All heavy atoms as atom14 arrays in JSON, in Angstrom:
{
  "sequence": "RQGVVTHSSGNFAQALALAAKSLGIKAYIVMPSNAP",
  "atom14_mask": [
    [1, 1, 1, 1, 1, 1, 1, 1, 1, 1, 1, 0, 0, 0],
    [1, 1, 1, 1, 1, 1, 1, 1, 1, 0, 0, 0, 0, 0],
    [1, 1, 1, 1, 0, 0, 0, 0, 0, 0, 0, 0, 0, 0],
    [1, 1, 1, 1, 1, 1, 1, 0, 0, 0, 0, 0, 0, 0],
    [1, 1, 1, 1, 1, 1, 1, 0, 0, 0, 0, 0, 0, 0],
    [1, 1, 1, 1, 1, 1, 1, 0, 0, 0, 0, 0, 0, 0],
    [1, 1, 1, 1, 1, 1, 1, 1, 1, 1, 0, 0, 0, 0],
    [1, 1, 1, 1, 1, 1, 0, 0, 0, 0, 0, 0, 0, 0],
    [1, 1, 1, 1, 1, 1, 0, 0, 0, 0, 0, 0, 0, 0],
    [1, 1, 1, 1, 0, 0, 0, 0, 0, 0, 0, 0, 0, 0],
    [1, 1, 1, 1, 1, 1, 1, 1, 0, 0, 0, 0, 0, 0],
    [1, 1, 1, 1, 1, 1, 1, 1, 1, 1, 1, 0, 0, 0],
    [1, 1, 1, 1, 1, 0, 0, 0, 0, 0, 0, 0, 0, 0],
    [1, 1, 1, 1, 1, 1, 1, 1, 1, 0, 0, 0, 0, 0],
    [1, 1, 1, 1, 1, 0, 0, 0, 0, 0, 0, 0, 0, 0],
    [1, 1, 1, 1, 1, 1, 1, 1, 0, 0, 0, 0, 0, 0],
    [1, 1, 1, 1, 1, 0, 0, 0, 0, 0, 0, 0, 0, 0],
    [1, 1, 1, 1, 1, 1, 1, 1, 0, 0, 0, 0, 0, 0],
    [1, 1, 1, 1, 1, 0, 0, 0, 0, 0, 0, 0, 0, 0],
    [1, 1, 1, 1, 1, 0, 0, 0, 0, 0, 0, 0, 0, 0],
    [1, 1, 1, 1, 1, 1, 1, 1, 1, 0, 0, 0, 0, 0],
    [1, 1, 1, 1, 1, 1, 0, 0, 0, 0, 0, 0, 0, 0],
    [1, 1, 1, 1, 1, 1, 1, 1, 0, 0, 0, 0, 0, 0],
    [1, 1, 1, 1, 0, 0, 0, 0, 0, 0, 0, 0, 0, 0],
    [1, 1, 1, 1, 1, 1, 1, 1, 0, 0, 0, 0, 0, 0],
    [1, 1, 1, 1, 1, 1, 1, 1, 1, 0, 0, 0, 0, 0],
    [1, 1, 1, 1, 1, 0, 0, 0, 0, 0, 0, 0, 0, 0],
    [1, 1, 1, 1, 1, 1, 1, 1, 1, 1, 1, 1, 0, 0],
    [1, 1, 1, 1, 1, 1, 1, 1, 0, 0, 0, 0, 0, 0],
    [1, 1, 1, 1, 1, 1, 1, 0, 0, 0, 0, 0, 0, 0],
    [1, 1, 1, 1, 1, 1, 1, 1, 0, 0, 0, 0, 0, 0],
    [1, 1, 1, 1, 1, 1, 1, 0, 0, 0, 0, 0, 0, 0],
    [1, 1, 1, 1, 1, 1, 0, 0, 0, 0, 0, 0, 0, 0],
    [1, 1, 1, 1, 1, 1, 1, 1, 0, 0, 0, 0, 0, 0],
    [1, 1, 1, 1, 1, 0, 0, 0, 0, 0, 0, 0, 0, 0],
    [1, 1, 1, 1, 1, 1, 1, 0, 0, 0, 0, 0, 0, 0]
  ],
  "atom14_positions": [
    [[20.21, 39.91, -2.0], [19.12, 40.67, -2.52], [17.75, 40.16, -1.92], [16.83, 40.95, -1.91], [19.07, 40.5, -4.06], [20.09, 41.35, -4.77], [19.81, 41.42, -6.28], [20.07, 40.21, -6.92], [21.27, 39.78, -7.43], [22.34, 40.58, -7.37], [21.4, 38.62, -8.01], [0.0, 0.0, 0.0], [0.0, 0.0, 0.0], [0.0, 0.0, 0.0]],
    [[17.73, 38.93, -1.48], [16.49, 38.39, -0.89], [16.35, 38.67, 0.59], [15.38, 38.4, 1.2], [16.47, 36.88, -1.09], [16.51, 36.44, -2.5], [15.2, 36.83, -3.33], [15.26, 37.74, -4.06], [14.13, 36.07, -3.0], [0.0, 0.0, 0.0], [0.0, 0.0, 0.0], [0.0, 0.0, 0.0], [0.0, 0.0, 0.0], [0.0, 0.0, 0.0]],
    [[17.42, 39.15, 1.16], [17.46, 39.47, 2.59], [17.8, 38.32, 3.6], [18.04, 37.22, 3.09], [0.0, 0.0, 0.0], [0.0, 0.0, 0.0], [0.0, 0.0, 0.0], [0.0, 0.0, 0.0], [0.0, 0.0, 0.0], [0.0, 0.0, 0.0], [0.0, 0.0, 0.0], [0.0, 0.0, 0.0], [0.0, 0.0, 0.0], [0.0, 0.0, 0.0]],
    [[17.78, 38.57, 4.84], [18.05, 37.58, 5.87], [17.03, 37.65, 6.88], [16.29, 38.51, 7.08], [19.46, 37.95, 6.46], [20.64, 37.74, 5.53], [19.55, 39.39, 7.06], [0.0, 0.0, 0.0], [0.0, 0.0, 0.0], [0.0, 0.0, 0.0], [0.0, 0.0, 0.0], [0.0, 0.0, 0.0], [0.0, 0.0, 0.0], [0.0, 0.0, 0.0]],
    [[16.93, 36.41, 7.54], [15.95, 36.25, 8.61], [16.61, 35.51, 9.8], [17.51, 34.67, 9.63], [14.7, 35.47, 8.15], [15.01, 34.06, 7.62], [13.67, 35.35, 9.22], [0.0, 0.0, 0.0], [0.0, 0.0, 0.0], [0.0, 0.0, 0.0], [0.0, 0.0, 0.0], [0.0, 0.0, 0.0], [0.0, 0.0, 0.0], [0.0, 0.0, 0.0]],
    [[16.19, 35.87, 11.03], [16.69, 35.23, 12.12], [15.51, 35.24, 13.25], [14.58, 35.96, 13.09], [17.96, 35.76, 12.79], [18.49, 34.81, 13.62], [17.68, 37.05, 13.48], [0.0, 0.0, 0.0], [0.0, 0.0, 0.0], [0.0, 0.0, 0.0], [0.0, 0.0, 0.0], [0.0, 0.0, 0.0], [0.0, 0.0, 0.0], [0.0, 0.0, 0.0]],
    [[15.67, 34.41, 14.27], [14.88, 34.59, 15.46], [15.78, 34.85, 16.65], [16.77, 34.22, 16.82], [13.97, 33.36, 15.71], [14.72, 32.03, 15.84], [15.41, 31.62, 16.98], [14.91, 30.96, 15.01], [15.95, 30.51, 16.81], [15.74, 30.02, 15.66], [0.0, 0.0, 0.0], [0.0, 0.0, 0.0], [0.0, 0.0, 0.0], [0.0, 0.0, 0.0]],
    [[15.41, 35.8, 17.48], [16.15, 36.2, 18.65], [15.31, 36.97, 19.61], [14.47, 37.81, 19.14], [17.44, 37.04, 18.11], [17.95, 37.68, 19.22], [0.0, 0.0, 0.0], [0.0, 0.0, 0.0], [0.0, 0.0, 0.0], [0.0, 0.0, 0.0], [0.0, 0.0, 0.0], [0.0, 0.0, 0.0], [0.0, 0.0, 0.0], [0.0, 0.0, 0.0]],
    [[15.69, 36.92, 20.91], [15.03, 37.71, 21.83], [15.61, 39.1, 22.09], [15.07, 39.9, 22.78], [14.97, 36.99, 23.24], [16.28, 36.76, 23.65], [0.0, 0.0, 0.0], [0.0, 0.0, 0.0], [0.0, 0.0, 0.0], [0.0, 0.0, 0.0], [0.0, 0.0, 0.0], [0.0, 0.0, 0.0], [0.0, 0.0, 0.0], [0.0, 0.0, 0.0]],
    [[16.75, 39.34, 21.45], [17.34, 40.58, 21.75], [18.57, 41.02, 21.0], [18.52, 41.51, 19.87], [0.0, 0.0, 0.0], [0.0, 0.0, 0.0], [0.0, 0.0, 0.0], [0.0, 0.0, 0.0], [0.0, 0.0, 0.0], [0.0, 0.0, 0.0], [0.0, 0.0, 0.0], [0.0, 0.0, 0.0], [0.0, 0.0, 0.0], [0.0, 0.0, 0.0]],
    [[19.76, 40.57, 21.54], [20.98, 41.06, 21.0], [21.3, 40.68, 19.53], [21.76, 41.43, 18.79], [22.17, 40.69, 21.91], [22.33, 41.56, 23.09], [21.73, 42.66, 23.13], [22.97, 41.17, 24.14], [0.0, 0.0, 0.0], [0.0, 0.0, 0.0], [0.0, 0.0, 0.0], [0.0, 0.0, 0.0], [0.0, 0.0, 0.0], [0.0, 0.0, 0.0]],
    [[20.99, 39.4, 19.15], [21.31, 38.96, 17.77], [20.29, 39.62, 16.93], [20.65, 39.94, 15.76], [21.25, 37.48, 17.58], [21.97, 37.02, 16.26], [23.32, 37.03, 16.12], [21.13, 36.68, 15.25], [23.89, 36.66, 14.97], [21.73, 36.33, 14.0], [23.09, 36.31, 13.87], [0.0, 0.0, 0.0], [0.0, 0.0, 0.0], [0.0, 0.0, 0.0]],
    [[19.11, 39.89, 17.4], [18.12, 40.53, 16.55], [18.62, 41.96, 16.17], [18.55, 42.31, 14.97], [16.77, 40.63, 17.36], [0.0, 0.0, 0.0], [0.0, 0.0, 0.0], [0.0, 0.0, 0.0], [0.0, 0.0, 0.0], [0.0, 0.0, 0.0], [0.0, 0.0, 0.0], [0.0, 0.0, 0.0], [0.0, 0.0, 0.0], [0.0, 0.0, 0.0]],
    [[19.17, 42.66, 17.16], [19.76, 44.02, 16.85], [20.99, 43.79, 15.93], [21.17, 44.7, 15.09], [20.11, 44.7, 18.21], [19.0, 44.93, 19.08], [19.46, 45.45, 20.44], [20.01, 46.53, 20.57], [19.22, 44.7, 21.54], [0.0, 0.0, 0.0], [0.0, 0.0, 0.0], [0.0, 0.0, 0.0], [0.0, 0.0, 0.0], [0.0, 0.0, 0.0]],
    [[21.74, 42.92, 16.21], [22.99, 42.71, 15.44], [22.71, 42.52, 13.99], [23.37, 43.1, 13.12], [23.84, 41.61, 15.97], [0.0, 0.0, 0.0], [0.0, 0.0, 0.0], [0.0, 0.0, 0.0], [0.0, 0.0, 0.0], [0.0, 0.0, 0.0], [0.0, 0.0, 0.0], [0.0, 0.0, 0.0], [0.0, 0.0, 0.0], [0.0, 0.0, 0.0]],
    [[21.78, 41.57, 13.73], [21.54, 41.21, 12.36], [20.89, 42.39, 11.62], [21.11, 42.71, 10.47], [20.65, 40.03, 12.29], [20.61, 39.27, 10.86], [21.96, 38.65, 10.54], [19.45, 38.33, 10.74], [0.0, 0.0, 0.0], [0.0, 0.0, 0.0], [0.0, 0.0, 0.0], [0.0, 0.0, 0.0], [0.0, 0.0, 0.0], [0.0, 0.0, 0.0]],
    [[20.01, 43.11, 12.35], [19.28, 44.29, 11.71], [20.36, 45.36, 11.4], [20.19, 45.95, 10.33], [18.24, 44.82, 12.73], [0.0, 0.0, 0.0], [0.0, 0.0, 0.0], [0.0, 0.0, 0.0], [0.0, 0.0, 0.0], [0.0, 0.0, 0.0], [0.0, 0.0, 0.0], [0.0, 0.0, 0.0], [0.0, 0.0, 0.0], [0.0, 0.0, 0.0]],
    [[21.25, 45.68, 12.29], [22.19, 46.65, 12.05], [23.17, 46.24, 10.89], [23.59, 47.02, 9.97], [22.99, 47.08, 13.3], [24.08, 48.17, 13.09], [23.43, 49.44, 12.5], [24.72, 48.49, 14.47], [0.0, 0.0, 0.0], [0.0, 0.0, 0.0], [0.0, 0.0, 0.0], [0.0, 0.0, 0.0], [0.0, 0.0, 0.0], [0.0, 0.0, 0.0]],
    [[23.62, 45.01, 10.96], [24.61, 44.5, 10.0], [23.97, 44.56, 8.62], [24.59, 44.94, 7.68], [25.03, 43.06, 10.35], [0.0, 0.0, 0.0], [0.0, 0.0, 0.0], [0.0, 0.0, 0.0], [0.0, 0.0, 0.0], [0.0, 0.0, 0.0], [0.0, 0.0, 0.0], [0.0, 0.0, 0.0], [0.0, 0.0, 0.0], [0.0, 0.0, 0.0]],
    [[22.72, 44.11, 8.54], [22.04, 44.14, 7.23], [21.82, 45.53, 6.76], [22.01, 45.86, 5.57], [20.63, 43.49, 7.38], [0.0, 0.0, 0.0], [0.0, 0.0, 0.0], [0.0, 0.0, 0.0], [0.0, 0.0, 0.0], [0.0, 0.0, 0.0], [0.0, 0.0, 0.0], [0.0, 0.0, 0.0], [0.0, 0.0, 0.0], [0.0, 0.0, 0.0]],
    [[21.53, 46.48, 7.65], [21.3, 47.93, 7.23], [22.68, 48.46, 6.68], [22.69, 49.14, 5.66], [20.85, 48.74, 8.51], [20.65, 50.18, 8.16], [20.14, 50.96, 9.43], [19.93, 52.45, 9.1], [19.48, 53.23, 10.3], [0.0, 0.0, 0.0], [0.0, 0.0, 0.0], [0.0, 0.0, 0.0], [0.0, 0.0, 0.0], [0.0, 0.0, 0.0]],
    [[23.75, 48.11, 7.32], [25.05, 48.59, 6.94], [25.39, 48.09, 5.55], [26.2, 48.77, 4.84], [26.15, 48.08, 7.91], [25.85, 48.56, 9.21], [0.0, 0.0, 0.0], [0.0, 0.0, 0.0], [0.0, 0.0, 0.0], [0.0, 0.0, 0.0], [0.0, 0.0, 0.0], [0.0, 0.0, 0.0], [0.0, 0.0, 0.0], [0.0, 0.0, 0.0]],
    [[24.82, 47.03, 5.17], [25.15, 46.37, 3.86], [24.13, 46.59, 2.84], [24.13, 45.98, 1.75], [25.44, 44.85, 4.08], [26.64, 44.52, 4.93], [26.67, 43.16, 5.44], [28.0, 44.88, 4.05], [0.0, 0.0, 0.0], [0.0, 0.0, 0.0], [0.0, 0.0, 0.0], [0.0, 0.0, 0.0], [0.0, 0.0, 0.0], [0.0, 0.0, 0.0]],
    [[23.01, 47.3, 3.19], [21.95, 47.61, 2.31], [21.0, 46.37, 2.02], [20.5, 46.15, 0.97], [0.0, 0.0, 0.0], [0.0, 0.0, 0.0], [0.0, 0.0, 0.0], [0.0, 0.0, 0.0], [0.0, 0.0, 0.0], [0.0, 0.0, 0.0], [0.0, 0.0, 0.0], [0.0, 0.0, 0.0], [0.0, 0.0, 0.0], [0.0, 0.0, 0.0]],
    [[20.81, 45.59, 3.0], [20.08, 44.3, 2.95], [18.84, 44.3, 3.82], [18.92, 44.83, 4.99], [20.98, 43.14, 3.29], [22.13, 42.94, 2.29], [20.26, 41.76, 3.35], [23.27, 42.1, 2.73], [0.0, 0.0, 0.0], [0.0, 0.0, 0.0], [0.0, 0.0, 0.0], [0.0, 0.0, 0.0], [0.0, 0.0, 0.0], [0.0, 0.0, 0.0]],
    [[17.8, 43.67, 3.41], [16.58, 43.63, 4.26], [16.69, 42.54, 5.32], [17.27, 41.53, 5.12], [15.37, 43.19, 3.35], [13.96, 43.16, 4.02], [13.49, 44.59, 4.36], [12.08, 44.41, 5.03], [11.66, 45.78, 5.51], [0.0, 0.0, 0.0], [0.0, 0.0, 0.0], [0.0, 0.0, 0.0], [0.0, 0.0, 0.0], [0.0, 0.0, 0.0]],
    [[16.26, 42.87, 6.53], [16.32, 41.97, 7.68], [15.01, 41.76, 8.26], [14.25, 42.72, 8.67], [17.34, 42.52, 8.77], [0.0, 0.0, 0.0], [0.0, 0.0, 0.0], [0.0, 0.0, 0.0], [0.0, 0.0, 0.0], [0.0, 0.0, 0.0], [0.0, 0.0, 0.0], [0.0, 0.0, 0.0], [0.0, 0.0, 0.0], [0.0, 0.0, 0.0]],
    [[14.62, 40.44, 8.3], [13.31, 40.04, 8.95], [13.69, 39.38, 10.24], [14.43, 38.42, 10.3], [12.63, 39.03, 8.07], [12.35, 39.61, 6.65], [13.18, 39.24, 5.52], [11.23, 40.33, 6.35], [12.94, 39.71, 4.25], [10.96, 40.84, 5.1], [11.92, 40.54, 4.06], [11.65, 41.04, 2.74], [0.0, 0.0, 0.0], [0.0, 0.0, 0.0]],
    [[13.04, 39.93, 11.31], [13.52, 39.5, 12.72], [12.28, 38.89, 13.43], [11.28, 39.61, 13.65], [14.07, 40.66, 13.48], [15.2, 41.43, 12.69], [14.64, 40.11, 14.8], [16.4, 40.65, 12.44], [0.0, 0.0, 0.0], [0.0, 0.0, 0.0], [0.0, 0.0, 0.0], [0.0, 0.0, 0.0], [0.0, 0.0, 0.0], [0.0, 0.0, 0.0]],
    [[12.43, 37.64, 13.77], [11.29, 37.05, 14.61], [11.67, 37.18, 16.09], [12.72, 36.8, 16.53], [11.15, 35.5, 14.22], [10.13, 34.89, 15.12], [10.8, 35.31, 12.78], [0.0, 0.0, 0.0], [0.0, 0.0, 0.0], [0.0, 0.0, 0.0], [0.0, 0.0, 0.0], [0.0, 0.0, 0.0], [0.0, 0.0, 0.0], [0.0, 0.0, 0.0]],
    [[10.75, 37.79, 16.84], [11.09, 38.09, 18.31], [9.88, 37.49, 19.16], [8.75, 37.76, 18.67], [11.31, 39.55, 18.57], [12.41, 40.09, 17.8], [12.8, 41.86, 18.3], [13.7, 41.57, 19.89], [0.0, 0.0, 0.0], [0.0, 0.0, 0.0], [0.0, 0.0, 0.0], [0.0, 0.0, 0.0], [0.0, 0.0, 0.0], [0.0, 0.0, 0.0]],
    [[10.17, 36.82, 20.19], [9.1, 36.5, 21.15], [8.39, 37.62, 21.64], [8.99, 38.65, 21.92], [9.81, 35.65, 22.25], [11.16, 36.15, 22.15], [11.51, 36.49, 20.79], [0.0, 0.0, 0.0], [0.0, 0.0, 0.0], [0.0, 0.0, 0.0], [0.0, 0.0, 0.0], [0.0, 0.0, 0.0], [0.0, 0.0, 0.0], [0.0, 0.0, 0.0]],
    [[7.07, 37.42, 21.95], [6.29, 38.66, 22.41], [6.81, 39.19, 23.75], [6.48, 40.37, 24.06], [4.82, 38.23, 22.53], [4.73, 37.05, 23.4], [0.0, 0.0, 0.0], [0.0, 0.0, 0.0], [0.0, 0.0, 0.0], [0.0, 0.0, 0.0], [0.0, 0.0, 0.0], [0.0, 0.0, 0.0], [0.0, 0.0, 0.0], [0.0, 0.0, 0.0]],
    [[7.47, 38.38, 24.56], [7.99, 38.76, 25.85], [9.4, 39.36, 25.81], [9.97, 39.6, 26.81], [7.81, 37.7, 26.89], [8.74, 36.51, 26.58], [9.31, 36.44, 25.46], [8.85, 35.63, 27.5], [0.0, 0.0, 0.0], [0.0, 0.0, 0.0], [0.0, 0.0, 0.0], [0.0, 0.0, 0.0], [0.0, 0.0, 0.0], [0.0, 0.0, 0.0]],
    [[9.94, 39.58, 24.61], [11.29, 40.19, 24.5], [11.27, 41.62, 25.1], [10.32, 42.28, 24.9], [11.69, 40.2, 23.01], [0.0, 0.0, 0.0], [0.0, 0.0, 0.0], [0.0, 0.0, 0.0], [0.0, 0.0, 0.0], [0.0, 0.0, 0.0], [0.0, 0.0, 0.0], [0.0, 0.0, 0.0], [0.0, 0.0, 0.0], [0.0, 0.0, 0.0]],
    [[12.36, 42.0, 25.68], [12.42, 43.33, 26.25], [12.04, 44.44, 25.27], [12.56, 44.43, 24.13], [13.87, 43.5, 26.71], [14.42, 42.09, 26.95], [13.6, 41.3, 25.84], [0.0, 0.0, 0.0], [0.0, 0.0, 0.0], [0.0, 0.0, 0.0], [0.0, 0.0, 0.0], [0.0, 0.0, 0.0], [0.0, 0.0, 0.0], [0.0, 0.0, 0.0]]
  ]
}
């Protein structure tokens, strides 16, 4: 219910966001400014 957070430049950021969405959970993603 509180959501999940990670830091990632790309693939894990996408993975956690989609996995969280699939489970109805909020995802907070920290990405470096130079990420693609």
